[in-house]
Amino acid sequence: MKATVLISCLSLLLVGVAPAQDSLNCREKGSWPFGPSYAVANDASRNLTFCGSGAAVYVLDVSNPAAPLKLSEAIRTRGVVQGLCCTSP
């Protein structure tokens, strides 16, 4: 009985070992970019506000502050947006 348990444990250890994988062969296929907002920047000359939301940035038209209009959510990052800076041309 002890030999059977020992052989079973050894076989599980051997099966669990996998060769190292090539990390350079990895590609990002997608992500869920939305999450908490840690960053906001305002461009008063163009009535735009940029809001970080997880790993995405919303661009809002705030010409009517009572009803902001979402212009874009196409800006994506690989990490959480923690700071934004806006400079007007």
PDB file of N, CA and C in Angstrom:
ATOM      1  N   MET A   1       0.831  -1.196   0.000  1.00  0.00           N
ATOM      2  CA  MET A   1       0.000   0.000   0.000  1.00  0.00           C
ATOM      3  C   MET A   1       0.870   1.252   0.000  1.00  0.00           C
ATOM      4  N   LYS A   2       1.932   1.246   0.843  1.00  0.00           N
ATOM      5  CA  LYS A   2       2.816   2.405   0.905  1.00  0.00           C
ATOM      6  C   LYS A   2       3.513   2.623  -0.432  1.00  0.00           C
ATOM      7  N   ALA A   3       3.890   1.549  -1.088  1.00  0.00           N
ATOM      8  CA  ALA A   3       4.575   1.656  -2.379  1.00  0.00           C
ATOM      9  C   ALA A   3       3.638   2.239  -3.435  1.00  0.00           C
ATOM     10  N   THR A   4       2.365   1.885  -3.388  1.00  0.00           N
ATOM     11  CA  THR A   4       1.398   2.411  -4.348  1.00  0.00           C
ATOM     12  C   THR A   4       1.215   3.914  -4.158  1.00  0.00           C
ATOM     13  N   VAL A   5       1.113   4.345  -2.912  1.00  0.00           N
ATOM     14  CA  VAL A   5       0.956   5.778  -2.619  1.00  0.00           C
ATOM     15  C   VAL A   5       2.204   6.539  -3.049  1.00  0.00           C
ATOM     16  N   LEU A   6       3.384   5.983  -2.763  1.00  0.00           N
ATOM     17  CA  LEU A   6       4.639   6.623  -3.136  1.00  0.00           C
ATOM     18  C   LEU A   6       4.768   6.747  -4.646  1.00  0.00           C
ATOM     19  N   ILE A   7       4.432   5.706  -5.373  1.00  0.00           N
ATOM     20  CA  ILE A   7       4.507   5.736  -6.838  1.00  0.00           C
ATOM     21  C   ILE A   7       3.500   6.737  -7.395  1.00  0.00           C
ATOM     22  N   SER A   8       2.307   6.816  -6.809  1.00  0.00           N
ATOM     23  CA  SER A   8       1.291   7.777  -7.261  1.00  0.00           C
ATOM     24  C   SER A   8       1.768   9.214  -7.051  1.00  0.00           C
ATOM     25  N   CYS A   9       2.360   9.490  -5.897  1.00  0.00           N
ATOM     26  CA  CYS A   9       2.854  10.837  -5.607  1.00  0.00           C
ATOM     27  C   CYS A   9       3.997  11.222  -6.550  1.00  0.00           C
ATOM     28  N   LEU A  10       4.911  10.298  -6.800  1.00  0.00           N
ATOM     29  CA  LEU A  10       6.022  10.578  -7.705  1.00  0.00           C
ATOM     30  C   LEU A  10       5.541  10.811  -9.129  1.00  0.00           C
ATOM     31  N   SER A  11       4.566  10.036  -9.570  1.00  0.00           N
ATOM     32  CA  SER A  11       4.054  10.220 -10.930  1.00  0.00           C
ATOM     33  C   SER A  11       3.344  11.563 -11.063  1.00  0.00           C
ATOM     34  N   LEU A  12       2.626  11.999 -10.033  1.00  0.00           N
ATOM     35  CA  LEU A  12       1.976  13.310 -10.067  1.00  0.00           C
ATOM     36  C   LEU A  12       3.002  14.427 -10.134  1.00  0.00           C
ATOM     37  N   LEU A  13       4.097  14.297  -9.408  1.00  0.00           N
ATOM     38  CA  LEU A  13       5.154  15.304  -9.442  1.00  0.00           C
ATOM     39  C   LEU A  13       5.789  15.386 -10.826  1.00  0.00           C
ATOM     40  N   LEU A  14       6.020  14.242 -11.435  1.00  0.00           N
ATOM     41  CA  LEU A  14       6.647  14.225 -12.755  1.00  0.00           C
ATOM     42  C   LEU A  14       5.718  14.768 -13.834  1.00  0.00           C
ATOM     43  N   VAL A  15       4.433  14.490 -13.726  1.00  0.00           N
ATOM     44  CA  VAL A  15       3.463  14.968 -14.706  1.00  0.00           C
ATOM     45  C   VAL A  15       3.268  16.474 -14.563  1.00  0.00           C
ATOM     46  N   GLY A  16       3.353  16.992 -13.355  1.00  0.00           N
ATOM     47  CA  GLY A  16       3.147  18.417 -13.093  1.00  0.00           C
ATOM     48  C   GLY A  16       4.273  19.300 -13.584  1.00  0.00           C
ATOM     49  N   VAL A  17       5.421  18.755 -13.919  1.00  0.00           N
ATOM     50  CA  VAL A  17       6.542  19.552 -14.393  1.00  0.00           C
ATOM     51  C   VAL A  17       6.360  19.829 -15.882  1.00  0.00           C
ATOM     52  N   ALA A  18       6.402  21.118 -16.250  1.00  0.00           N
ATOM     53  CA  ALA A  18       6.255  21.503 -17.659  1.00  0.00           C
ATOM     54  C   ALA A  18       7.471  22.308 -18.072  1.00  0.00           C
ATOM     55  N   PRO A  19       7.893  22.187 -19.305  1.00  0.00           N
ATOM     56  CA  PRO A  19       9.024  22.984 -19.760  1.00  0.00           C
ATOM     57  C   PRO A  19       8.672  24.470 -19.794  1.00  0.00           C
ATOM     58  N   ALA A  20       9.682  25.320 -19.650  1.00  0.00           N
ATOM     59  CA  ALA A  20       9.460  26.767 -19.666  1.00  0.00           C
ATOM     60  C   ALA A  20       8.926  27.206 -21.024  1.00  0.00           C
ATOM     61  N   GLN A  21       8.026  28.145 -21.006  1.00  0.00           N
ATOM     62  CA  GLN A  21       7.435  28.656 -22.234  1.00  0.00           C
ATOM     63  C   GLN A  21       8.148  29.931 -22.671  1.00  0.00           C
ATOM     64  N   ASP A  22       8.140  30.216 -23.942  1.00  0.00           N
ATOM     65  CA  ASP A  22       8.779  31.396 -24.500  1.00  0.00           C
ATOM     66  C   ASP A  22       7.888  32.607 -24.258  1.00  0.00           C
ATOM     67  N   SER A  23       8.282  33.511 -23.360  1.00  0.00           N
ATOM     68  CA  SER A  23       7.462  34.674 -23.035  1.00  0.00           C
ATOM     69  C   SER A  23       7.483  35.716 -24.148  1.00  0.00           C
ATOM     70  N   LEU A  24       8.422  35.634 -25.092  1.00  0.00           N
ATOM     71  CA  LEU A  24       8.468  36.590 -26.191  1.00  0.00           C
ATOM     72  C   LEU A  24       7.426  36.279 -27.252  1.00  0.00           C
ATOM     73  N   ASN A  25       6.791  35.134 -27.136  1.00  0.00           N
ATOM     74  CA  ASN A  25       5.802  34.719 -28.115  1.00  0.00           C
ATOM     75  C   ASN A  25       4.375  35.004 -27.627  1.00  0.00           C
ATOM     76  N   CYS A  26       4.214  35.945 -26.696  1.00  0.00           N
ATOM     77  CA  CYS A  26       2.903  36.271 -26.137  1.00  0.00           C
ATOM     78  C   CYS A  26       2.368  37.544 -26.771  1.00  0.00           C
ATOM     79  N   ARG A  27       1.083  37.563 -27.025  1.00  0.00           N
ATOM     80  CA  ARG A  27       0.428  38.740 -27.574  1.00  0.00           C
ATOM     81  C   ARG A  27      -0.824  39.027 -26.768  1.00  0.00           C
ATOM     82  N   GLU A  28      -1.100  40.306 -26.559  1.00  0.00           N
ATOM     83  CA  GLU A  28      -2.320  40.681 -25.869  1.00  0.00           C
ATOM     84  C   GLU A  28      -3.475  40.585 -26.848  1.00  0.00           C
ATOM     85  N   LYS A  29      -4.493  39.846 -26.491  1.00  0.00           N
ATOM     86  CA  LYS A  29      -5.654  39.654 -27.362  1.00  0.00           C
ATOM     87  C   LYS A  29      -6.795  40.598 -26.992  1.00  0.00           C
ATOM     88  N   GLY A  30      -6.779  41.108 -25.780  1.00  0.00           N
ATOM     89  CA  GLY A  30      -7.842  42.009 -25.357  1.00  0.00           C
ATOM     90  C   GLY A  30      -7.796  42.206 -23.860  1.00  0.00           C
ATOM     91  N   SER A  31      -8.592  43.136 -23.388  1.00  0.00           N
ATOM     92  CA  SER A  31      -8.647  43.398 -21.954  1.00  0.00           C
ATOM     93  C   SER A  31      -9.960  44.102 -21.629  1.00  0.00           C
ATOM     94  N   TRP A  32     -10.296  44.092 -20.373  1.00  0.00           N
ATOM     95  CA  TRP A  32     -11.440  44.850 -19.899  1.00  0.00           C
ATOM     96  C   TRP A  32     -10.886  46.146 -19.344  1.00  0.00           C
ATOM     97  N   PRO A  33     -10.983  47.250 -20.098  1.00  0.00           N
ATOM     98  CA  PRO A  33     -10.256  48.454 -19.737  1.00  0.00           C
ATOM     99  C   PRO A  33     -10.915  49.319 -18.669  1.00  0.00           C
ATOM    100  N   PHE A  34     -12.162  49.093 -18.349  1.00  0.00           N
ATOM    101  CA  PHE A  34     -12.870  50.027 -17.487  1.00  0.00           C
ATOM    102  C   PHE A  34     -12.719  49.662 -16.023  1.00  0.00           C
ATOM    103  N   GLY A  35     -12.577  50.666 -15.205  1.00  0.00           N
ATOM    104  CA  GLY A  35     -12.402  50.444 -13.778  1.00  0.00           C
ATOM    105  C   GLY A  35     -12.460  51.760 -13.039  1.00  0.00           C
ATOM    106  N   PRO A  36     -11.818  51.843 -11.870  1.00  0.00           N
ATOM    107  CA  PRO A  36     -11.883  53.069 -11.076  1.00  0.00           C
ATOM    108  C   PRO A  36     -11.176  54.230 -11.773  1.00  0.00           C
ATOM    109  N   SER A  37     -11.630  55.432 -11.474  1.00  0.00           N
ATOM    110  CA  SER A  37     -11.058  56.631 -12.075  1.00  0.00           C
ATOM    111  C   SER A  37     -10.084  57.276 -11.099  1.00  0.00           C
ATOM    112  N   TYR A  38      -8.808  57.344 -11.509  1.00  0.00           N
ATOM    113  CA  TYR A  38      -7.769  57.957 -10.692  1.00  0.00           C
ATOM    114  C   TYR A  38      -7.258  59.257 -11.304  1.00  0.00           C
ATOM    115  N   ALA A  39      -7.694  59.604 -12.521  1.00  0.00           N
ATOM    116  CA  ALA A  39      -7.137  60.768 -13.202  1.00  0.00           C
ATOM    117  C   ALA A  39      -8.201  61.495 -14.009  1.00  0.00           C
ATOM    118  N   VAL A  40      -8.157  62.836 -13.929  1.00  0.00           N
ATOM    119  CA  VAL A  40      -9.046  63.685 -14.712  1.00  0.00           C
ATOM    120  C   VAL A  40      -8.242  64.898 -15.151  1.00  0.00           C
ATOM    121  N   ALA A  41      -8.392  65.295 -16.421  1.00  0.00           N
ATOM    122  CA  ALA A  41      -7.756  66.503 -16.937  1.00  0.00           C
ATOM    123  C   ALA A  41      -8.802  67.293 -17.710  1.00  0.00           C
ATOM    124  N   ASN A  42      -8.721  68.618 -17.617  1.00  0.00           N
ATOM    125  CA  ASN A  42      -9.701  69.475 -18.252  1.00  0.00           C
ATOM    126  C   ASN A  42      -8.999  70.429 -19.208  1.00  0.00           C
ATOM    127  N   ASP A  43      -9.545  70.577 -20.417  1.00  0.00           N
ATOM    128  CA  ASP A  43      -9.076  71.549 -21.396  1.00  0.00           C
ATOM    129  C   ASP A  43     -10.200  72.571 -21.560  1.00  0.00           C
ATOM    130  N   ALA A  44     -10.120  73.666 -20.788  1.00  0.00           N
ATOM    131  CA  ALA A  44     -11.196  74.651 -20.760  1.00  0.00           C
ATOM    132  C   ALA A  44     -11.347  75.383 -22.084  1.00  0.00           C
ATOM    133  N   SER A  45     -10.251  75.540 -22.836  1.00  0.00           N
ATOM    134  CA  SER A  45     -10.350  76.281 -24.103  1.00  0.00           C
ATOM    135  C   SER A  45     -11.158  75.511 -25.152  1.00  0.00           C
ATOM    136  N   ARG A  46     -11.162  74.204 -25.078  1.00  0.00           N
ATOM    137  CA  ARG A  46     -11.921  73.393 -26.036  1.00  0.00           C
ATOM    138  C   ARG A  46     -13.134  72.716 -25.401  1.00  0.00           C
ATOM    139  N   ASN A  47     -13.405  73.011 -24.132  1.00  0.00           N
ATOM    140  CA  ASN A  47     -14.528  72.404 -23.400  1.00  0.00           C
ATOM    141  C   ASN A  47     -14.463  70.893 -23.406  1.00  0.00           C
ATOM    142  N   LEU A  48     -13.256  70.342 -23.184  1.00  0.00           N
ATOM    143  CA  LEU A  48     -13.063  68.896 -23.148  1.00  0.00           C
ATOM    144  C   LEU A  48     -12.575  68.476 -21.773  1.00  0.00           C
ATOM    145  N   THR A  49     -13.028  67.319 -21.335  1.00  0.00           N
ATOM    146  CA  THR A  49     -12.528  66.701 -20.114  1.00  0.00           C
ATOM    147  C   THR A  49     -12.106  65.280 -20.449  1.00  0.00           C
ATOM    148  N   PHE A  50     -10.959  64.884 -19.937  1.00  0.00           N
ATOM    149  CA  PHE A  50     -10.409  63.545 -20.143  1.00  0.00           C
ATOM    150  C   PHE A  50     -10.467  62.824 -18.803  1.00  0.00           C
ATOM    151  N   CYS A  51     -11.128  61.681 -18.759  1.00  0.00           N
ATOM    152  CA  CYS A  51     -11.297  60.921 -17.518  1.00  0.00           C
ATOM    153  C   CYS A  51     -10.674  59.545 -17.673  1.00  0.00           C
ATOM    154  N   GLY A  52      -9.701  59.250 -16.835  1.00  0.00           N
ATOM    155  CA  GLY A  52      -9.138  57.908 -16.807  1.00  0.00           C
ATOM    156  C   GLY A  52     -10.124  56.972 -16.140  1.00  0.00           C
ATOM    157  N   SER A  53     -10.312  55.815 -16.714  1.00  0.00           N
ATOM    158  CA  SER A  53     -11.230  54.829 -16.160  1.00  0.00           C
ATOM    159  C   SER A  53     -10.587  53.457 -16.305  1.00  0.00           C
ATOM    160  N   GLY A  54      -9.898  53.026 -15.263  1.00  0.00           N
ATOM    161  CA  GLY A  54      -9.155  51.775 -15.363  1.00  0.00           C
ATOM    162  C   GLY A  54      -8.035  51.938 -16.360  1.00  0.00           C
ATOM    163  N   ALA A  55      -8.053  51.167 -17.444  1.00  0.00           N
ATOM    164  CA  ALA A  55      -7.029  51.242 -18.484  1.00  0.00           C
ATOM    165  C   ALA A  55      -7.561  51.913 -19.743  1.00  0.00           C
ATOM    166  N   ALA A  56      -8.540  52.795 -19.597  1.00  0.00           N
ATOM    167  CA  ALA A  56      -9.106  53.515 -20.728  1.00  0.00           C
ATOM    168  C   ALA A  56      -9.242  54.984 -20.364  1.00  0.00           C
ATOM    169  N   VAL A  57      -9.418  55.820 -21.389  1.00  0.00           N
ATOM    170  CA  VAL A  57      -9.626  57.251 -21.180  1.00  0.00           C
ATOM    171  C   VAL A  57     -10.882  57.665 -21.942  1.00  0.00           C
ATOM    172  N   TYR A  58     -11.809  58.277 -21.226  1.00  0.00           N
ATOM    173  CA  TYR A  58     -12.998  58.854 -21.843  1.00  0.00           C
ATOM    174  C   TYR A  58     -12.694  60.301 -22.213  1.00  0.00           C
ATOM    175  N   VAL A  59     -13.169  60.718 -23.370  1.00  0.00           N
ATOM    176  CA  VAL A  59     -13.094  62.125 -23.778  1.00  0.00           C
ATOM    177  C   VAL A  59     -14.522  62.646 -23.767  1.00  0.00           C
ATOM    178  N   LEU A  60     -14.751  63.695 -22.970  1.00  0.00           N
ATOM    179  CA  LEU A  60     -16.094  64.241 -22.801  1.00  0.00           C
ATOM    180  C   LEU A  60     -16.163  65.681 -23.273  1.00  0.00           C
ATOM    181  N   ASP A  61     -17.249  66.029 -23.946  1.00  0.00           N
ATOM    182  CA  ASP A  61     -17.535  67.419 -24.293  1.00  0.00           C
ATOM    183  C   ASP A  61     -18.330  67.995 -23.130  1.00  0.00           C
ATOM    184  N   VAL A  62     -17.767  68.997 -22.471  1.00  0.00           N
ATOM    185  CA  VAL A  62     -18.424  69.578 -21.297  1.00  0.00           C
ATOM    186  C   VAL A  62     -18.874  71.014 -21.562  1.00  0.00           C
ATOM    187  N   SER A  63     -19.188  71.328 -22.831  1.00  0.00           N
ATOM    188  CA  SER A  63     -19.684  72.671 -23.142  1.00  0.00           C
ATOM    189  C   SER A  63     -21.006  72.933 -22.415  1.00  0.00           C
ATOM    190  N   ASN A  64     -21.767  71.872 -22.147  1.00  0.00           N
ATOM    191  CA  ASN A  64     -22.949  71.961 -21.292  1.00  0.00           C
ATOM    192  C   ASN A  64     -22.665  71.094 -20.072  1.00  0.00           C
ATOM    193  N   PRO A  65     -22.168  71.699 -18.978  1.00  0.00           N
ATOM    194  CA  PRO A  65     -21.770  70.906 -17.806  1.00  0.00           C
ATOM    195  C   PRO A  65     -22.899  70.069 -17.196  1.00  0.00           C
ATOM    196  N   ALA A  66     -24.134  70.469 -17.406  1.00  0.00           N
ATOM    197  CA  ALA A  66     -25.260  69.714 -16.857  1.00  0.00           C
ATOM    198  C   ALA A  66     -25.493  68.412 -17.626  1.00  0.00           C
ATOM    199  N   ALA A  67     -24.990  68.354 -18.870  1.00  0.00           N
ATOM    200  CA  ALA A  67     -25.179  67.155 -19.684  1.00  0.00           C
ATOM    201  C   ALA A  67     -23.919  66.887 -20.511  1.00  0.00           C
ATOM    202  N   PRO A  68     -22.858  66.364 -19.878  1.00  0.00           N
ATOM    203  CA  PRO A  68     -21.638  66.068 -20.632  1.00  0.00           C
ATOM    204  C   PRO A  68     -21.904  65.021 -21.711  1.00  0.00           C
ATOM    205  N   LEU A  69     -21.217  65.159 -22.830  1.00  0.00           N
ATOM    206  CA  LEU A  69     -21.410  64.265 -23.963  1.00  0.00           C
ATOM    207  C   LEU A  69     -20.129  63.460 -24.191  1.00  0.00           C
ATOM    208  N   LYS A  70     -20.253  62.135 -24.208  1.00  0.00           N
ATOM    209  CA  LYS A  70     -19.083  61.277 -24.441  1.00  0.00           C
ATOM    210  C   LYS A  70     -18.719  61.337 -25.920  1.00  0.00           C
ATOM    211  N   LEU A  71     -17.475  61.780 -26.194  1.00  0.00           N
ATOM    212  CA  LEU A  71     -16.996  61.847 -27.576  1.00  0.00           C
ATOM    213  C   LEU A  71     -16.244  60.586 -27.965  1.00  0.00           C
ATOM    214  N   SER A  72     -15.506  60.015 -27.021  1.00  0.00           N
ATOM    215  CA  SER A  72     -14.685  58.846 -27.356  1.00  0.00           C
ATOM    216  C   SER A  72     -14.343  58.056 -26.098  1.00  0.00           C
ATOM    217  N   GLU A  73     -14.134  56.781 -26.296  1.00  0.00           N
ATOM    218  CA  GLU A  73     -13.566  55.905 -25.267  1.00  0.00           C
ATOM    219  C   GLU A  73     -12.537  54.982 -25.917  1.00  0.00           C
ATOM    220  N   ALA A  74     -11.950  55.451 -27.033  1.00  0.00           N
ATOM    221  CA  ALA A  74     -11.059  54.619 -27.840  1.00  0.00           C
ATOM    222  C   ALA A  74      -9.617  54.589 -27.338  1.00  0.00           C
ATOM    223  N   ILE A  75      -9.262  55.456 -26.407  1.00  0.00           N
ATOM    224  CA  ILE A  75      -7.886  55.470 -25.905  1.00  0.00           C
ATOM    225  C   ILE A  75      -7.737  54.358 -24.870  1.00  0.00           C
ATOM    226  N   ARG A  76      -6.819  53.428 -25.122  1.00  0.00           N
ATOM    227  CA  ARG A  76      -6.571  52.296 -24.220  1.00  0.00           C
ATOM    228  C   ARG A  76      -5.107  52.281 -23.813  1.00  0.00           C
ATOM    229  N   THR A  77      -4.836  51.830 -22.612  1.00  0.00           N
ATOM    230  CA  THR A  77      -3.466  51.681 -22.121  1.00  0.00           C
ATOM    231  C   THR A  77      -3.283  50.248 -21.642  1.00  0.00           C
ATOM    232  N   ARG A  78      -2.061  49.891 -21.336  1.00  0.00           N
ATOM    233  CA  ARG A  78      -1.799  48.540 -20.828  1.00  0.00           C
ATOM    234  C   ARG A  78      -1.901  48.458 -19.309  1.00  0.00           C
ATOM    235  N   GLY A  79      -2.049  49.592 -18.661  1.00  0.00           N
ATOM    236  CA  GLY A  79      -2.164  49.611 -17.209  1.00  0.00           C
ATOM    237  C   GLY A  79      -3.202  50.638 -16.791  1.00  0.00           C
ATOM    238  N   VAL A  80      -3.427  50.753 -15.503  1.00  0.00           N
ATOM    239  CA  VAL A  80      -4.404  51.697 -14.968  1.00  0.00           C
ATOM    240  C   VAL A  80      -3.902  53.115 -15.191  1.00  0.00           C
ATOM    241  N   VAL A  81      -4.766  53.976 -15.696  1.00  0.00           N
ATOM    242  CA  VAL A  81      -4.434  55.391 -15.902  1.00  0.00           C
ATOM    243  C   VAL A  81      -4.376  56.052 -14.537  1.00  0.00           C
ATOM    244  N   GLN A  82      -3.191  56.546 -14.169  1.00  0.00           N
ATOM    245  CA  GLN A  82      -3.025  57.153 -12.848  1.00  0.00           C
ATOM    246  C   GLN A  82      -2.757  58.638 -12.909  1.00  0.00           C
ATOM    247  N   GLY A  83      -2.601  59.190 -14.110  1.00  0.00           N
ATOM    248  CA  GLY A  83      -2.382  60.617 -14.242  1.00  0.00           C
ATOM    249  C   GLY A  83      -2.611  61.058 -15.670  1.00  0.00           C
ATOM    250  N   LEU A  84      -3.198  62.242 -15.832  1.00  0.00           N
ATOM    251  CA  LEU A  84      -3.445  62.818 -17.146  1.00  0.00           C
ATOM    252  C   LEU A  84      -2.988  64.270 -17.126  1.00  0.00           C
ATOM    253  N   CYS A  85      -2.530  64.750 -18.265  1.00  0.00           N
ATOM    254  CA  CYS A  85      -2.127  66.138 -18.409  1.00  0.00           C
ATOM    255  C   CYS A  85      -2.629  66.622 -19.755  1.00  0.00           C
ATOM    256  N   CYS A  86      -3.206  67.782 -19.790  1.00  0.00           N
ATOM    257  CA  CYS A  86      -3.749  68.313 -21.032  1.00  0.00           C
ATOM    258  C   CYS A  86      -3.103  69.670 -21.308  1.00  0.00           C
ATOM    259  N   THR A  87      -2.564  69.842 -22.507  1.00  0.00           N
ATOM    260  CA  THR A  87      -2.021  71.131 -22.922  1.00  0.00           C
ATOM    261  C   THR A  87      -2.697  71.526 -24.224  1.00  0.00           C
ATOM    262  N   SER A  88      -3.117  72.757 -24.307  1.00  0.00           N
ATOM    263  CA  SER A  88      -3.786  73.258 -25.519  1.00  0.00           C
ATOM    264  C   SER A  88      -2.748  73.723 -26.521  1.00  0.00           C
ATOM    265  N   PRO A  89      -3.021  73.519 -27.819  1.00  0.00           N
ATOM    266  CA  PRO A  89      -2.074  73.977 -28.841  1.00  0.00           C
ATOM    267  C   PRO A  89      -2.044  75.487 -28.964  1.00  0.00           C
TER     268      PRO A  89
END
